[in-house]
């Protein structure tokens, strides 16, 4: 595909689909599990979103970015969907962090 506008539209549509999936189809998937398995979570997506907005000259707060990713204020999402991490999840998270140092 050589048309960069088309590529950008496809990438944007795929990103929006990922967000809908995380917001609507799988809000039960905990961020800690995403971090263990994939090395990123919704908060990471929000950070990347904010960083790209700022790189394009748009000021955005952490809360604004999280609301864009969660589809609601983070505190509301957390109250509705986030469970307390289990000792097993915390241990798996720490092991994953050691095995895969943070990077982009």
C-alpha atoms as a PDB file:
ATOM      1  CA  UNK A   1       0.000   0.000   0.000  1.00  0.00           C
ATOM      2  CA  UNK A   2       1.557   3.273  -1.036  1.00  0.00           C
ATOM      3  CA  UNK A   3      -1.081   5.832  -0.123  1.00  0.00           C
ATOM      4  CA  UNK A   4      -0.007   7.180   3.279  1.00  0.00           C
ATOM      5  CA  UNK A   5      -3.443   8.704   3.959  1.00  0.00           C
ATOM      6  CA  UNK A   6      -5.071   5.317   3.417  1.00  0.00           C
ATOM      7  CA  UNK A   7      -2.489   3.651   5.647  1.00  0.00           C
ATOM      8  CA  UNK A   8      -3.133   6.229   8.364  1.00  0.00           C
ATOM      9  CA  UNK A   9      -6.904   5.698   8.065  1.00  0.00           C
ATOM     10  CA  UNK A  10      -6.489   1.921   8.356  1.00  0.00           C
ATOM     11  CA  UNK A  11      -4.176   2.254  11.352  1.00  0.00           C
ATOM     12  CA  UNK A  12      -6.571   4.691  13.036  1.00  0.00           C
ATOM     13  CA  UNK A  13      -9.531   2.378  12.415  1.00  0.00           C
ATOM     14  CA  UNK A  14      -7.626  -0.590  13.869  1.00  0.00           C
ATOM     15  CA  UNK A  15      -6.707   1.500  16.925  1.00  0.00           C
ATOM     16  CA  UNK A  16     -10.335   2.552  17.432  1.00  0.00           C
ATOM     17  CA  UNK A  17     -11.362  -1.101  17.141  1.00  0.00           C
ATOM     18  CA  UNK A  18      -8.797  -2.074  19.792  1.00  0.00           C
ATOM     19  CA  UNK A  19     -10.182   0.617  22.090  1.00  0.00           C
ATOM     20  CA  UNK A  20     -13.785  -0.555  21.545  1.00  0.00           C
ATOM     21  CA  UNK A  21     -12.696  -4.108  22.263  1.00  0.00           C
ATOM     22  CA  UNK A  22     -10.992  -3.116  25.522  1.00  0.00           C
ATOM     23  CA  UNK A  23     -13.810  -0.750  26.558  1.00  0.00           C
ATOM     24  CA  UNK A  24     -16.868  -2.753  25.562  1.00  0.00           C
ATOM     25  CA  UNK A  25     -16.085  -6.384  24.835  1.00  0.00           C
ATOM     26  CA  UNK A  26     -13.380  -7.025  27.440  1.00  0.00           C
ATOM     27  CA  UNK A  27     -13.461  -4.543  30.320  1.00  0.00           C
ATOM     28  CA  UNK A  28     -13.022  -7.631  32.507  1.00  0.00           C
ATOM     29  CA  UNK A  29      -9.433  -8.055  31.339  1.00  0.00           C
ATOM     30  CA  UNK A  30      -7.355  -6.512  34.090  1.00  0.00           C
ATOM     31  CA  UNK A  31      -4.525  -4.121  33.297  1.00  0.00           C
ATOM     32  CA  UNK A  32      -2.130  -6.225  35.357  1.00  0.00           C
ATOM     33  CA  UNK A  33      -2.933  -9.243  33.160  1.00  0.00           C
ATOM     34  CA  UNK A  34      -2.293  -7.178  30.031  1.00  0.00           C
ATOM     35  CA  UNK A  35       1.032  -6.092  31.516  1.00  0.00           C
ATOM     36  CA  UNK A  36       1.982  -9.685  32.362  1.00  0.00           C
ATOM     37  CA  UNK A  37       1.078 -11.075  28.952  1.00  0.00           C
ATOM     38  CA  UNK A  38       1.685  -8.194  26.547  1.00  0.00           C
ATOM     39  CA  UNK A  39       3.955  -5.789  28.389  1.00  0.00           C
ATOM     40  CA  UNK A  40       1.510  -2.903  28.074  1.00  0.00           C
ATOM     41  CA  UNK A  41      -1.914  -1.951  29.389  1.00  0.00           C
ATOM     42  CA  UNK A  42      -4.588   0.680  28.958  1.00  0.00           C
ATOM     43  CA  UNK A  43      -2.519   3.156  30.976  1.00  0.00           C
ATOM     44  CA  UNK A  44       0.414   2.604  28.611  1.00  0.00           C
ATOM     45  CA  UNK A  45      -1.881   3.284  25.648  1.00  0.00           C
ATOM     46  CA  UNK A  46      -3.024   6.488  27.343  1.00  0.00           C
ATOM     47  CA  UNK A  47       0.580   7.562  27.902  1.00  0.00           C
ATOM     48  CA  UNK A  48       1.469   6.859  24.263  1.00  0.00           C
ATOM     49  CA  UNK A  49      -1.674   8.703  23.133  1.00  0.00           C
ATOM     50  CA  UNK A  50      -0.765  11.755  25.220  1.00  0.00           C
ATOM     51  CA  UNK A  51       2.859  11.706  24.061  1.00  0.00           C
ATOM     52  CA  UNK A  52       1.787  11.601  20.398  1.00  0.00           C
ATOM     53  CA  UNK A  53      -0.742  14.389  20.948  1.00  0.00           C
ATOM     54  CA  UNK A  54       1.966  16.530  22.507  1.00  0.00           C
ATOM     55  CA  UNK A  55       4.370  15.669  19.663  1.00  0.00           C
ATOM     56  CA  UNK A  56       1.715  17.101  17.336  1.00  0.00           C
ATOM     57  CA  UNK A  57       1.423  20.297  19.376  1.00  0.00           C
ATOM     58  CA  UNK A  58      -1.718  19.366  21.320  1.00  0.00           C
ATOM     59  CA  UNK A  59      -1.615  19.820  25.069  1.00  0.00           C
ATOM     60  CA  UNK A  60      -3.201  16.909  26.895  1.00  0.00           C
ATOM     61  CA  UNK A  61      -3.297  15.935  30.538  1.00  0.00           C
ATOM     62  CA  UNK A  62      -2.825  12.406  31.834  1.00  0.00           C
ATOM     63  CA  UNK A  63      -6.502  12.360  32.866  1.00  0.00           C
ATOM     64  CA  UNK A  64      -7.644  13.492  29.409  1.00  0.00           C
ATOM     65  CA  UNK A  65      -5.569  10.799  27.744  1.00  0.00           C
ATOM     66  CA  UNK A  66      -6.884   8.108  30.078  1.00  0.00           C
ATOM     67  CA  UNK A  67     -10.463   9.177  29.437  1.00  0.00           C
ATOM     68  CA  UNK A  68      -9.812   8.876  25.680  1.00  0.00           C
ATOM     69  CA  UNK A  69      -8.552   5.312  26.171  1.00  0.00           C
ATOM     70  CA  UNK A  70     -10.995   4.144  28.854  1.00  0.00           C
ATOM     71  CA  UNK A  71     -14.059   5.848  27.373  1.00  0.00           C
ATOM     72  CA  UNK A  72     -14.823   7.408  30.753  1.00  0.00           C
ATOM     73  CA  UNK A  73     -12.907   9.036  33.591  1.00  0.00           C
ATOM     74  CA  UNK A  74     -10.278   6.614  34.892  1.00  0.00           C
ATOM     75  CA  UNK A  75     -11.691   6.684  38.430  1.00  0.00           C
ATOM     76  CA  UNK A  76     -15.102   5.581  37.098  1.00  0.00           C
ATOM     77  CA  UNK A  77     -13.593   2.748  35.038  1.00  0.00           C
ATOM     78  CA  UNK A  78     -11.485   1.646  37.985  1.00  0.00           C
ATOM     79  CA  UNK A  79     -14.508   1.558  40.304  1.00  0.00           C
ATOM     80  CA  UNK A  80     -16.548  -0.445  37.787  1.00  0.00           C
ATOM     81  CA  UNK A  81     -13.981  -2.860  36.410  1.00  0.00           C
ATOM     82  CA  UNK A  82     -10.688  -3.031  38.295  1.00  0.00           C
ATOM     83  CA  UNK A  83     -10.280  -5.818  40.800  1.00  0.00           C
ATOM     84  CA  UNK A  84      -7.631  -5.962  43.508  1.00  0.00           C
ATOM     85  CA  UNK A  85      -4.531  -7.713  42.151  1.00  0.00           C
ATOM     86  CA  UNK A  86      -4.038 -11.173  43.579  1.00  0.00           C
ATOM     87  CA  UNK A  87      -0.715 -12.278  45.067  1.00  0.00           C
ATOM     88  CA  UNK A  88      -0.316 -14.559  42.039  1.00  0.00           C
ATOM     89  CA  UNK A  89      -0.855 -11.666  39.617  1.00  0.00           C
ATOM     90  CA  UNK A  90       1.640  -9.499  41.493  1.00  0.00           C
ATOM     91  CA  UNK A  91       4.237 -12.282  41.431  1.00  0.00           C
ATOM     92  CA  UNK A  92       3.668 -12.896  37.712  1.00  0.00           C
ATOM     93  CA  UNK A  93       3.914  -9.156  37.045  1.00  0.00           C
ATOM     94  CA  UNK A  94       7.229  -8.907  38.877  1.00  0.00           C
ATOM     95  CA  UNK A  95       8.561 -11.950  37.000  1.00  0.00           C
ATOM     96  CA  UNK A  96       7.451 -10.472  33.667  1.00  0.00           C
ATOM     97  CA  UNK A  97       9.121  -7.160  34.521  1.00  0.00           C
ATOM     98  CA  UNK A  98      12.390  -8.949  35.241  1.00  0.00           C
ATOM     99  CA  UNK A  99      12.163 -11.042  32.073  1.00  0.00           C
ATOM    100  CA  UNK A 100      11.204  -8.148  29.807  1.00  0.00           C
ATOM    101  CA  UNK A 101      12.682  -4.806  30.876  1.00  0.00           C
ATOM    102  CA  UNK A 102      10.498  -1.828  30.032  1.00  0.00           C
ATOM    103  CA  UNK A 103      10.789  -0.408  26.557  1.00  0.00           C
ATOM    104  CA  UNK A 104       8.639   0.935  23.738  1.00  0.00           C
END
